[in-house]
Every structure is written in C-alpha cells, then in structure tokens.
Amino acid sequence: MSIAEEIHRLDELRARGVLSEAEFQQAKARLLSGAAPVGGGTGAPAVEVLNRFRRSRSDSWIGGVCGGLALITGLESWIWRLIFAVMFLFGGAGALLYILLWVFVPSD
C-alpha cells in the first residue's frame, strides 16, 4: 500500500470517529517520516507472535513447547504445563495439542 493510500485510509478512520485528530496527526507524521508501522509492517501482531514461536531448548521437560509458550506470552512455563495437564484430563486434548506443537513448531 502506498503512503497516499495509507493516509487516505487514516483520514477515513478519522472521519468515522475511530481516530481522534491528535491520533491522526501522529500516525500521518509517522508515515511521512518513513518509520515502520506499528507491528513491524509484516501483518497483524498475532501473526508476528506466531512467527516468533519456537520450542525452548533451555526450559523443556519433554519437547520444550511450554517453555516456548512462556517466552512469547510472558506466563511462567509451569502455568502452561498445568494448562496442558488439565486439558489432558478433559478428553486428552492437551496431549494431542502438545504433540502437534512438538511436531510442527521448530526449536530455537
């Protein structure tokens, strides 16, 4: 998207009342200065978090999934281990999810 298109989109958001005048001016100045958009410009923040998700080698009991989740979410790894254990007790979903993450998530 070009800078003109992004400024037009920001102006539409301001016209609808989503952005205040100060927020509009701040975002416009950031665009014109060439600064990277919020989120790094590669997509939604959730996508960036998923792209950074790696299994931990230093904080692992079995596969490092809980240690990796702890790094990207800010929760302690023991909390993630507890969540997976509780999910395991309710139909085995925790074990299935853990195994899938272990197989498909690369290690750091």
PDB file of N, CA and C in Angstrom:
ATOM      1  N   MET A   1       0.852  -1.167   0.000  1.00  0.00           N
ATOM      2  CA  MET A   1       0.000   0.000   0.000  1.00  0.00           C
ATOM      3  C   MET A   1       0.902   1.236   0.000  1.00  0.00           C
ATOM      4  N   SER A   2       0.577   2.201  -0.852  1.00  0.00           N
ATOM      5  CA  SER A   2       1.393   3.410  -0.937  1.00  0.00           C
ATOM      6  C   SER A   2       1.096   4.339   0.242  1.00  0.00           C
ATOM      7  N   ILE A   3       1.960   5.317   0.426  1.00  0.00           N
ATOM      8  CA  ILE A   3       1.787   6.261   1.526  1.00  0.00           C
ATOM      9  C   ILE A   3       0.505   7.052   1.342  1.00  0.00           C
ATOM     10  N   ALA A   4       0.198   7.434   0.113  1.00  0.00           N
ATOM     11  CA  ALA A   4      -1.035   8.185  -0.150  1.00  0.00           C
ATOM     12  C   ALA A   4      -2.272   7.364   0.218  1.00  0.00           C
ATOM     13  N   GLU A   5      -2.257   6.086  -0.122  1.00  0.00           N
ATOM     14  CA  GLU A   5      -3.389   5.221   0.227  1.00  0.00           C
ATOM     15  C   GLU A   5      -3.520   5.065   1.734  1.00  0.00           C
ATOM     16  N   GLU A   6      -2.404   4.941   2.419  1.00  0.00           N
ATOM     17  CA  GLU A   6      -2.455   4.797   3.871  1.00  0.00           C
ATOM     18  C   GLU A   6      -2.957   6.076   4.533  1.00  0.00           C
ATOM     19  N   ILE A   7      -2.529   7.234   4.025  1.00  0.00           N
ATOM     20  CA  ILE A   7      -3.024   8.495   4.578  1.00  0.00           C
ATOM     21  C   ILE A   7      -4.513   8.631   4.316  1.00  0.00           C
ATOM     22  N   HIS A   8      -4.964   8.216   3.143  1.00  0.00           N
ATOM     23  CA  HIS A   8      -6.399   8.243   2.833  1.00  0.00           C
ATOM     24  C   HIS A   8      -7.174   7.330   3.788  1.00  0.00           C
ATOM     25  N   ARG A   9      -6.623   6.158   4.051  1.00  0.00           N
ATOM     26  CA  ARG A   9      -7.278   5.225   4.988  1.00  0.00           C
ATOM     27  C   ARG A   9      -7.342   5.828   6.390  1.00  0.00           C
ATOM     28  N   LEU A  10      -6.260   6.471   6.811  1.00  0.00           N
ATOM     29  CA  LEU A  10      -6.253   7.128   8.117  1.00  0.00           C
ATOM     30  C   LEU A  10      -7.285   8.251   8.171  1.00  0.00           C
ATOM     31  N   ASP A  11      -7.404   9.003   7.071  1.00  0.00           N
ATOM     32  CA  ASP A  11      -8.384  10.086   7.013  1.00  0.00           C
ATOM     33  C   ASP A  11      -9.811   9.546   7.116  1.00  0.00           C
ATOM     34  N   GLU A  12     -10.064   8.401   6.479  1.00  0.00           N
ATOM     35  CA  GLU A  12     -11.391   7.775   6.585  1.00  0.00           C
ATOM     36  C   GLU A  12     -11.676   7.350   8.021  1.00  0.00           C
ATOM     37  N   LEU A  13     -10.667   6.807   8.697  1.00  0.00           N
ATOM     38  CA  LEU A  13     -10.848   6.417  10.103  1.00  0.00           C
ATOM     39  C   LEU A  13     -11.120   7.637  10.974  1.00  0.00           C
ATOM     40  N   ARG A  14     -10.448   8.746  10.682  1.00  0.00           N
ATOM     41  CA  ARG A  14     -10.679   9.985  11.434  1.00  0.00           C
ATOM     42  C   ARG A  14     -12.085  10.505  11.176  1.00  0.00           C
ATOM     43  N   ALA A  15     -12.538  10.432   9.915  1.00  0.00           N
ATOM     44  CA  ALA A  15     -13.873  10.916   9.560  1.00  0.00           C
ATOM     45  C   ALA A  15     -14.965  10.089  10.236  1.00  0.00           C
ATOM     46  N   ARG A  16     -14.726   8.803  10.412  1.00  0.00           N
ATOM     47  CA  ARG A  16     -15.710   7.940  11.085  1.00  0.00           C
ATOM     48  C   ARG A  16     -15.652   8.072  12.596  1.00  0.00           C
ATOM     49  N   GLY A  17     -14.650   8.751  13.117  1.00  0.00           N
ATOM     50  CA  GLY A  17     -14.533   8.937  14.555  1.00  0.00           C
ATOM     51  C   GLY A  17     -13.728   7.870  15.264  1.00  0.00           C
ATOM     52  N   VAL A  18     -13.105   6.985  14.494  1.00  0.00           N
ATOM     53  CA  VAL A  18     -12.286   5.932  15.087  1.00  0.00           C
ATOM     54  C   VAL A  18     -10.990   6.519  15.638  1.00  0.00           C
ATOM     55  N   LEU A  19     -10.416   7.485  14.889  1.00  0.00           N
ATOM     56  CA  LEU A  19      -9.193   8.155  15.323  1.00  0.00           C
ATOM     57  C   LEU A  19      -9.505   9.594  15.708  1.00  0.00           C
ATOM     58  N   SER A  20      -8.888  10.050  16.771  1.00  0.00           N
ATOM     59  CA  SER A  20      -9.013  11.465  17.122  1.00  0.00           C
ATOM     60  C   SER A  20      -8.091  12.270  16.204  1.00  0.00           C
ATOM     61  N   GLU A  21      -8.237  13.598  16.226  1.00  0.00           N
ATOM     62  CA  GLU A  21      -7.390  14.452  15.394  1.00  0.00           C
ATOM     63  C   GLU A  21      -5.913  14.279  15.765  1.00  0.00           C
ATOM     64  N   ALA A  22      -5.634  14.178  17.066  1.00  0.00           N
ATOM     65  CA  ALA A  22      -4.248  14.015  17.521  1.00  0.00           C
ATOM     66  C   ALA A  22      -3.674  12.673  17.062  1.00  0.00           C
ATOM     67  N   GLU A  23      -4.475  11.604  17.151  1.00  0.00           N
ATOM     68  CA  GLU A  23      -4.010  10.293  16.697  1.00  0.00           C
ATOM     69  C   GLU A  23      -3.767  10.293  15.189  1.00  0.00           C
ATOM     70  N   PHE A  24      -4.660  10.963  14.450  1.00  0.00           N
ATOM     71  CA  PHE A  24      -4.496  11.064  13.007  1.00  0.00           C
ATOM     72  C   PHE A  24      -3.197  11.779  12.656  1.00  0.00           C
ATOM     73  N   GLN A  25      -2.932  12.904  13.306  1.00  0.00           N
ATOM     74  CA  GLN A  25      -1.719  13.671  13.021  1.00  0.00           C
ATOM     75  C   GLN A  25      -0.464  12.868  13.373  1.00  0.00           C
ATOM     76  N   GLN A  26      -0.541  12.149  14.479  1.00  0.00           N
ATOM     77  CA  GLN A  26       0.604  11.343  14.917  1.00  0.00           C
ATOM     78  C   GLN A  26       0.885  10.213  13.914  1.00  0.00           C
ATOM     79  N   ALA A  27      -0.164   9.524  13.484  1.00  0.00           N
ATOM     80  CA  ALA A  27       0.003   8.428  12.532  1.00  0.00           C
ATOM     81  C   ALA A  27       0.486   8.957  11.183  1.00  0.00           C
ATOM     82  N   LYS A  28      -0.052  10.088  10.764  1.00  0.00           N
ATOM     83  CA  LYS A  28       0.359  10.695   9.499  1.00  0.00           C
ATOM     84  C   LYS A  28       1.835  11.098   9.547  1.00  0.00           C
ATOM     85  N   ALA A  29       2.259  11.687  10.658  1.00  0.00           N
ATOM     86  CA  ALA A  29       3.662  12.082  10.806  1.00  0.00           C
ATOM     87  C   ALA A  29       4.573  10.859  10.789  1.00  0.00           C
ATOM     88  N   ARG A  30       4.131   9.782  11.416  1.00  0.00           N
ATOM     89  CA  ARG A  30       4.928   8.549  11.425  1.00  0.00           C
ATOM     90  C   ARG A  30       5.059   7.983  10.009  1.00  0.00           C
ATOM     91  N   LEU A  31       3.979   8.028   9.234  1.00  0.00           N
ATOM     92  CA  LEU A  31       4.039   7.561   7.851  1.00  0.00           C
ATOM     93  C   LEU A  31       4.972   8.418   7.004  1.00  0.00           C
ATOM     94  N   LEU A  32       4.848   9.721   7.150  1.00  0.00           N
ATOM     95  CA  LEU A  32       5.652  10.621   6.332  1.00  0.00           C
ATOM     96  C   LEU A  32       7.131  10.609   6.709  1.00  0.00           C
ATOM     97  N   SER A  33       7.425  10.271   7.966  1.00  0.00           N
ATOM     98  CA  SER A  33       8.825  10.221   8.390  1.00  0.00           C
ATOM     99  C   SER A  33       9.517   8.935   7.942  1.00  0.00           C
ATOM    100  N   GLY A  34       8.721   7.984   7.462  1.00  0.00           N
ATOM    101  CA  GLY A  34       9.300   6.728   6.996  1.00  0.00           C
ATOM    102  C   GLY A  34       9.462   5.700   8.091  1.00  0.00           C
ATOM    103  N   ALA A  35       8.928   5.959   9.285  1.00  0.00           N
ATOM    104  CA  ALA A  35       9.016   4.990  10.383  1.00  0.00           C
ATOM    105  C   ALA A  35       8.163   3.782  10.049  1.00  0.00           C
ATOM    106  N   ALA A  36       8.584   2.638  10.571  1.00  0.00           N
ATOM    107  CA  ALA A  36       7.842   1.403  10.337  1.00  0.00           C
ATOM    108  C   ALA A  36       6.500   1.472  11.029  1.00  0.00           C
ATOM    109  N   PRO A  37       5.443   0.956  10.414  1.00  0.00           N
ATOM    110  CA  PRO A  37       4.141   0.926  11.049  1.00  0.00           C
ATOM    111  C   PRO A  37       4.170   0.078  12.308  1.00  0.00           C
ATOM    112  N   VAL A  38       3.212   0.301  13.178  1.00  0.00           N
ATOM    113  CA  VAL A  38       3.107  -0.495  14.390  1.00  0.00           C
ATOM    114  C   VAL A  38       2.928  -1.940  13.988  1.00  0.00           C
ATOM    115  N   GLY A  39       3.679  -2.843  14.640  1.00  0.00           N
ATOM    116  CA  GLY A  39       3.618  -4.257  14.304  1.00  0.00           C
ATOM    117  C   GLY A  39       4.676  -4.655  13.293  1.00  0.00           C
ATOM    118  N   GLY A  40       5.562  -3.719  12.923  1.00  0.00           N
ATOM    119  CA  GLY A  40       6.648  -4.044  12.027  1.00  0.00           C
ATOM    120  C   GLY A  40       6.289  -4.059  10.556  1.00  0.00           C
ATOM    121  N   GLY A  41       5.001  -3.893  10.239  1.00  0.00           N
ATOM    122  CA  GLY A  41       4.602  -3.808   8.854  1.00  0.00           C
ATOM    123  C   GLY A  41       4.466  -5.139   8.159  1.00  0.00           C
ATOM    124  N   THR A  42       4.595  -6.254   8.862  1.00  0.00           N
ATOM    125  CA  THR A  42       4.507  -7.550   8.209  1.00  0.00           C
ATOM    126  C   THR A  42       3.148  -8.186   8.378  1.00  0.00           C
ATOM    127  N   GLY A  43       2.257  -7.556   9.096  1.00  0.00           N
ATOM    128  CA  GLY A  43       0.940  -8.129   9.298  1.00  0.00           C
ATOM    129  C   GLY A  43       0.455  -7.850  10.698  1.00  0.00           C
ATOM    130  N   ALA A  44      -0.526  -8.606  11.099  1.00  0.00           N
ATOM    131  CA  ALA A  44      -1.116  -8.425  12.411  1.00  0.00           C
ATOM    132  C   ALA A  44      -0.133  -8.851  13.496  1.00  0.00           C
ATOM    133  N   PRO A  45      -0.224  -8.230  14.684  1.00  0.00           N
ATOM    134  CA  PRO A  45       0.684  -8.615  15.771  1.00  0.00           C
ATOM    135  C   PRO A  45       0.584 -10.099  16.134  1.00  0.00           C
ATOM    136  N   ALA A  46      -0.604 -10.681  16.024  1.00  0.00           N
ATOM    137  CA  ALA A  46      -0.757 -12.101  16.356  1.00  0.00           C
ATOM    138  C   ALA A  46       0.050 -12.980  15.403  1.00  0.00           C
ATOM    139  N   VAL A  47       0.099 -12.580  14.153  1.00  0.00           N
ATOM    140  CA  VAL A  47       0.872 -13.341  13.166  1.00  0.00           C
ATOM    141  C   VAL A  47       2.354 -13.257  13.494  1.00  0.00           C
ATOM    142  N   GLU A  48       2.809 -12.074  13.911  1.00  0.00           N
ATOM    143  CA  GLU A  48       4.218 -11.917  14.262  1.00  0.00           C
ATOM    144  C   GLU A  48       4.586 -12.757  15.472  1.00  0.00           C
ATOM    145  N   VAL A  49       3.691 -12.826  16.444  1.00  0.00           N
ATOM    146  CA  VAL A  49       3.952 -13.651  17.625  1.00  0.00           C
ATOM    147  C   VAL A  49       4.058 -15.112  17.220  1.00  0.00           C
ATOM    148  N   LEU A  50       3.165 -15.562  16.353  1.00  0.00           N
ATOM    149  CA  LEU A  50       3.226 -16.956  15.904  1.00  0.00           C
ATOM    150  C   LEU A  50       4.494 -17.233  15.116  1.00  0.00           C
ATOM    151  N   ASN A  51       4.956 -16.255  14.365  1.00  0.00           N
ATOM    152  CA  ASN A  51       6.201 -16.455  13.619  1.00  0.00           C
ATOM    153  C   ASN A  51       7.415 -16.523  14.536  1.00  0.00           C
ATOM    154  N   ARG A  52       7.350 -15.879  15.702  1.00  0.00           N
ATOM    155  CA  ARG A  52       8.461 -15.926  16.658  1.00  0.00           C
ATOM    156  C   ARG A  52       8.404 -17.155  17.561  1.00  0.00           C
ATOM    157  N   PHE A  53       7.295 -17.876  17.551  1.00  0.00           N
ATOM    158  CA  PHE A  53       7.106 -19.009  18.454  1.00  0.00           C
ATOM    159  C   PHE A  53       8.066 -20.132  18.106  1.00  0.00           C
ATOM    160  N   ARG A  54       8.892 -20.497  19.077  1.00  0.00           N
ATOM    161  CA  ARG A  54       9.847 -21.594  18.942  1.00  0.00           C
ATOM    162  C   ARG A  54       9.819 -22.421  20.221  1.00  0.00           C
ATOM    163  N   ARG A  55      10.096 -23.716  20.078  1.00  0.00           N
ATOM    164  CA  ARG A  55      10.222 -24.563  21.268  1.00  0.00           C
ATOM    165  C   ARG A  55      11.523 -24.218  21.979  1.00  0.00           C
ATOM    166  N   SER A  56      11.492 -24.203  23.292  1.00  0.00           N
ATOM    167  CA  SER A  56      12.664 -23.837  24.079  1.00  0.00           C
ATOM    168  C   SER A  56      13.549 -25.058  24.324  1.00  0.00           C
ATOM    169  N   ARG A  57      14.849 -24.874  24.164  1.00  0.00           N
ATOM    170  CA  ARG A  57      15.786 -25.943  24.496  1.00  0.00           C
ATOM    171  C   ARG A  57      16.212 -25.859  25.957  1.00  0.00           C
ATOM    172  N   SER A  58      16.206 -24.647  26.506  1.00  0.00           N
ATOM    173  CA  SER A  58      16.687 -24.472  27.876  1.00  0.00           C
ATOM    174  C   SER A  58      15.611 -24.740  28.919  1.00  0.00           C
ATOM    175  N   ASP A  59      14.335 -24.497  28.581  1.00  0.00           N
ATOM    176  CA  ASP A  59      13.232 -24.682  29.529  1.00  0.00           C
ATOM    177  C   ASP A  59      12.310 -25.761  28.986  1.00  0.00           C
ATOM    178  N   SER A  60      12.790 -27.016  29.032  1.00  0.00           N
ATOM    179  CA  SER A  60      11.956 -28.093  28.497  1.00  0.00           C
ATOM    180  C   SER A  60      11.994 -29.307  29.414  1.00  0.00           C
ATOM    181  N   TRP A  61      10.855 -29.972  29.498  1.00  0.00           N
ATOM    182  CA  TRP A  61      10.784 -31.245  30.193  1.00  0.00           C
ATOM    183  C   TRP A  61      10.691 -32.366  29.170  1.00  0.00           C
ATOM    184  N   ILE A  62       9.821 -32.172  28.203  1.00  0.00           N
ATOM    185  CA  ILE A  62       9.653 -33.198  27.172  1.00  0.00           C
ATOM    186  C   ILE A  62      10.085 -32.637  25.825  1.00  0.00           C
ATOM    187  N   GLY A  63       9.325 -31.661  25.295  1.00  0.00           N
ATOM    188  CA  GLY A  63       9.625 -31.149  23.970  1.00  0.00           C
ATOM    189  C   GLY A  63       9.933 -29.674  23.914  1.00  0.00           C
ATOM    190  N   GLY A  64       9.795 -28.945  25.013  1.00  0.00           N
ATOM    191  CA  GLY A  64      10.079 -27.525  25.030  1.00  0.00           C
ATOM    192  C   GLY A  64       8.926 -26.634  24.616  1.00  0.00           C
ATOM    193  N   VAL A  65       7.748 -27.210  24.389  1.00  0.00           N
ATOM    194  CA  VAL A  65       6.587 -26.433  23.954  1.00  0.00           C
ATOM    195  C   VAL A  65       6.179 -25.427  25.022  1.00  0.00           C
ATOM    196  N   CYS A  66       6.080 -25.866  26.258  1.00  0.00           N
ATOM    197  CA  CYS A  66       5.650 -24.962  27.340  1.00  0.00           C
ATOM    198  C   CYS A  66       6.669 -23.852  27.583  1.00  0.00           C
ATOM    199  N   GLY A  67       7.942 -24.155  27.463  1.00  0.00           N
ATOM    200  CA  GLY A  67       8.968 -23.131  27.603  1.00  0.00           C
ATOM    201  C   GLY A  67       8.883 -22.099  26.498  1.00  0.00           C
ATOM    202  N   GLY A  68       8.592 -22.539  25.288  1.00  0.00           N
ATOM    203  CA  GLY A  68       8.419 -21.621  24.168  1.00  0.00           C
ATOM    204  C   GLY A  68       7.186 -20.754  24.326  1.00  0.00           C
ATOM    205  N   LEU A  69       6.101 -21.359  24.788  1.00  0.00           N
ATOM    206  CA  LEU A  69       4.885 -20.583  25.046  1.00  0.00           C
ATOM    207  C   LEU A  69       5.119 -19.558  26.148  1.00  0.00           C
ATOM    208  N   ALA A  70       5.916 -19.923  27.136  1.00  0.00           N
ATOM    209  CA  ALA A  70       6.225 -18.994  28.224  1.00  0.00           C
ATOM    210  C   ALA A  70       6.991 -17.782  27.705  1.00  0.00           C
ATOM    211  N   LEU A  71       7.881 -18.000  26.768  1.00  0.00           N
ATOM    212  CA  LEU A  71       8.666 -16.890  26.219  1.00  0.00           C
ATOM    213  C   LEU A  71       7.808 -15.887  25.460  1.00  0.00           C
ATOM    214  N   ILE A  72       6.840 -16.365  24.682  1.00  0.00           N
ATOM    215  CA  ILE A  72       6.071 -15.435  23.866  1.00  0.00           C
ATOM    216  C   ILE A  72       4.871 -14.842  24.580  1.00  0.00           C
ATOM    217  N   THR A  73       4.397 -15.490  25.664  1.00  0.00           N
ATOM    218  CA  THR A  73       3.213 -14.967  26.344  1.00  0.00           C
ATOM    219  C   THR A  73       3.526 -14.224  27.627  1.00  0.00           C
ATOM    220  N   GLY A  74       4.682 -14.478  28.217  1.00  0.00           N
ATOM    221  CA  GLY A  74       5.011 -13.831  29.482  1.00  0.00           C
ATOM    222  C   GLY A  74       4.543 -14.606  30.696  1.00  0.00           C
ATOM    223  N   LEU A  75       3.817 -15.701  30.496  1.00  0.00           N
ATOM    224  CA  LEU A  75       3.417 -16.566  31.610  1.00  0.00           C
ATOM    225  C   LEU A  75       4.562 -17.519  31.933  1.00  0.00           C
ATOM    226  N   GLU A  76       4.606 -17.969  33.155  1.00  0.00           N
ATOM    227  CA  GLU A  76       5.625 -18.947  33.547  1.00  0.00           C
ATOM    228  C   GLU A  76       5.346 -20.280  32.850  1.00  0.00           C
ATOM    229  N   SER A  77       6.390 -21.032  32.595  1.00  0.00           N
ATOM    230  CA  SER A  77       6.224 -22.305  31.895  1.00  0.00           C
ATOM    231  C   SER A  77       5.443 -23.321  32.730  1.00  0.00           C
ATOM    232  N   TRP A  78       5.530 -23.241  34.061  1.00  0.00           N
ATOM    233  CA  TRP A  78       4.778 -24.189  34.885  1.00  0.00           C
ATOM    234  C   TRP A  78       3.278 -23.964  34.734  1.00  0.00           C
ATOM    235  N   ILE A  79       2.876 -22.738  34.444  1.00  0.00           N
ATOM    236  CA  ILE A  79       1.453 -22.473  34.220  1.00  0.00           C
ATOM    237  C   ILE A  79       1.001 -23.155  32.939  1.00  0.00           C
ATOM    238  N   TRP A  80       1.829 -23.085  31.887  1.00  0.00           N
ATOM    239  CA  TRP A  80       1.490 -23.763  30.641  1.00  0.00           C
ATOM    240  C   TRP A  80       1.459 -25.273  30.829  1.00  0.00           C
ATOM    241  N   ARG A  81       2.375 -25.799  31.639  1.00  0.00           N
ATOM    242  CA  ARG A  81       2.363 -27.245  31.900  1.00  0.00           C
ATOM    243  C   ARG A  81       1.087 -27.645  32.628  1.00  0.00           C
ATOM    244  N   LEU A  82       0.643 -26.815  33.545  1.00  0.00           N
ATOM    245  CA  LEU A  82      -0.605 -27.066  34.273  1.00  0.00           C
ATOM    246  C   LEU A  82      -1.798 -27.015  33.321  1.00  0.00           C
ATOM    247  N   ILE A  83      -1.802 -26.033  32.417  1.00  0.00           N
ATOM    248  CA  ILE A  83      -2.895 -25.917  31.445  1.00  0.00           C
ATOM    249  C   ILE A  83      -2.970 -27.168  30.571  1.00  0.00           C
ATOM    250  N   PHE A  84      -1.822 -27.632  30.064  1.00  0.00           N
ATOM    251  CA  PHE A  84      -1.818 -28.842  29.243  1.00  0.00           C
ATOM    252  C   PHE A  84      -2.244 -30.065  30.050  1.00  0.00           C
ATOM    253  N   ALA A  85      -1.852 -30.143  31.319  1.00  0.00           N
ATOM    254  CA  ALA A  85      -2.247 -31.286  32.159  1.00  0.00           C
ATOM    255  C   ALA A  85      -3.751 -31.289  32.388  1.00  0.00           C
ATOM    256  N   VAL A  86      -4.325 -30.136  32.652  1.00  0.00           N
ATOM    257  CA  VAL A  86      -5.771 -30.054  32.860  1.00  0.00           C
ATOM    258  C   VAL A  86      -6.503 -30.392  31.561  1.00  0.00           C
ATOM    259  N   MET A  87      -5.992 -29.902  30.438  1.00  0.00           N
ATOM    260  CA  MET A  87      -6.614 -30.231  29.150  1.00  0.00           C
ATOM    261  C   MET A  87      -6.504 -31.729  28.856  1.00  0.00           C
ATOM    262  N   PHE A  88      -5.425 -32.346  29.306  1.00  0.00           N
ATOM    263  CA  PHE A  88      -5.262 -33.789  29.119  1.00  0.00           C
ATOM    264  C   PHE A  88      -6.331 -34.551  29.891  1.00  0.00           C
ATOM    265  N   LEU A  89      -6.649 -34.079  31.085  1.00  0.00           N
ATOM    266  CA  LEU A  89      -7.656 -34.749  31.898  1.00  0.00           C
ATOM    267  C   LEU A  89      -9.049 -34.647  31.297  1.00  0.00           C
ATOM    268  N   PHE A  90      -9.297 -33.630  30.501  1.00  0.00           N
ATOM    269  CA  PHE A  90     -10.598 -33.445  29.880  1.00  0.00           C
ATOM    270  C   PHE A  90     -10.573 -33.889  28.423  1.00  0.00           C
ATOM    271  N   GLY A  91     -10.499 -35.173  28.215  1.00  0.00           N
ATOM    272  CA  GLY A  91     -10.610 -35.746  26.882  1.00  0.00           C
ATOM    273  C   GLY A  91      -9.309 -35.926  26.132  1.00  0.00           C
ATOM    274  N   GLY A  92      -8.190 -35.645  26.743  1.00  0.00           N
ATOM    275  CA  GLY A  92      -6.912 -35.858  26.090  1.00  0.00           C
ATOM    276  C   GLY A  92      -6.513 -34.778  25.101  1.00  0.00           C
ATOM    277  N   ALA A  93      -7.240 -33.676  25.081  1.00  0.00           N
ATOM    278  CA  ALA A  93      -6.943 -32.607  24.131  1.00  0.00           C
ATOM    279  C   ALA A  93      -5.570 -32.003  24.390  1.00  0.00           C
ATOM    280  N   GLY A  94      -5.163 -31.955  25.646  1.00  0.00           N
ATOM    281  CA  GLY A  94      -3.862 -31.385  25.983  1.00  0.00           C
ATOM    282  C   GLY A  94      -2.722 -32.179  25.382  1.00  0.00           C
ATOM    283  N   ALA A  95      -2.827 -33.502  25.451  1.00  0.00           N
ATOM    284  CA  ALA A  95      -1.770 -34.349  24.883  1.00  0.00           C
ATOM    285  C   ALA A  95      -1.720 -34.211  23.374  1.00  0.00           C
ATOM    286  N   LEU A  96      -2.880 -34.189  22.736  1.00  0.00           N
ATOM    287  CA  LEU A  96      -2.925 -34.054  21.285  1.00  0.00           C
ATOM    288  C   LEU A  96      -2.358 -32.705  20.845  1.00  0.00           C
ATOM    289  N   LEU A  97      -2.747 -31.630  21.504  1.00  0.00           N
ATOM    290  CA  LEU A  97      -2.250 -30.301  21.168  1.00  0.00           C
ATOM    291  C   LEU A  97      -0.742 -30.207  21.407  1.00  0.00           C
ATOM    292  N   TYR A  98      -0.274 -30.758  22.523  1.00  0.00           N
ATOM    293  CA  TYR A  98       1.157 -30.725  22.832  1.00  0.00           C
ATOM    294  C   TYR A  98       1.956 -31.470  21.765  1.00  0.00           C
ATOM    295  N   ILE A  99       1.492 -32.639  21.370  1.00  0.00           N
ATOM    296  CA  ILE A  99       2.198 -33.430  20.364  1.00  0.00           C
ATOM    297  C   ILE A  99       2.226 -32.692  19.025  1.00  0.00           C
ATOM    298  N   LEU A 100       1.100 -32.080  18.645  1.00  0.00           N
ATOM    299  CA  LEU A 100       1.069 -31.323  17.395  1.00  0.00           C
ATOM    300  C   LEU A 100       2.042 -30.146  17.428  1.00  0.00           C
ATOM    301  N   LEU A 101       2.069 -29.429  18.544  1.00  0.00           N
ATOM    302  CA  LEU A 101       3.003 -28.311  18.667  1.00  0.00           C
ATOM    303  C   LEU A 101       4.450 -28.810  18.671  1.00  0.00           C
ATOM    304  N   TRP A 102       4.689 -29.937  19.309  1.00  0.00           N
ATOM    305  CA  TRP A 102       6.026 -30.516  19.359  1.00  0.00           C
ATOM    306  C   TRP A 102       6.515 -30.869  17.950  1.00  0.00           C
ATOM    307  N   VAL A 103       5.617 -31.400  17.137  1.00  0.00           N
ATOM    308  CA  VAL A 103       5.985 -31.824  15.794  1.00  0.00           C
ATOM    309  C   VAL A 103       6.151 -30.627  14.844  1.00  0.00           C
ATOM    310  N   PHE A 104       5.233 -29.651  14.910  1.00  0.00           N
ATOM    311  CA  PHE A 104       5.206 -28.605  13.897  1.00  0.00           C
ATOM    312  C   PHE A 104       5.922 -27.310  14.250  1.00  0.00           C
ATOM    313  N   VAL A 105       6.230 -27.084  15.527  1.00  0.00           N
ATOM    314  CA  VAL A 105       6.915 -25.850  15.910  1.00  0.00           C
ATOM    315  C   VAL A 105       8.418 -26.106  15.954  1.00  0.00           C
ATOM    316  N   PRO A 106       9.194 -25.303  15.238  1.00  0.00           N
ATOM    317  CA  PRO A 106      10.645 -25.514  15.253  1.00  0.00           C
ATOM    318  C   PRO A 106      11.256 -25.144  16.606  1.00  0.00           C
ATOM    319  N   SER A 107      12.390 -25.732  16.905  1.00  0.00           N
ATOM    320  CA  SER A 107      13.057 -25.392  18.174  1.00  0.00           C
ATOM    321  C   SER A 107      13.965 -24.203  17.951  1.00  0.00           C
ATOM    322  N   ASP A 108      14.298 -23.522  19.068  1.00  0.00           N
ATOM    323  CA  ASP A 108      15.146 -22.325  18.944  1.00  0.00           C
ATOM    324  C   ASP A 108      16.604 -22.665  18.839  1.00  0.00           C
TER     325      ASP A 108
END
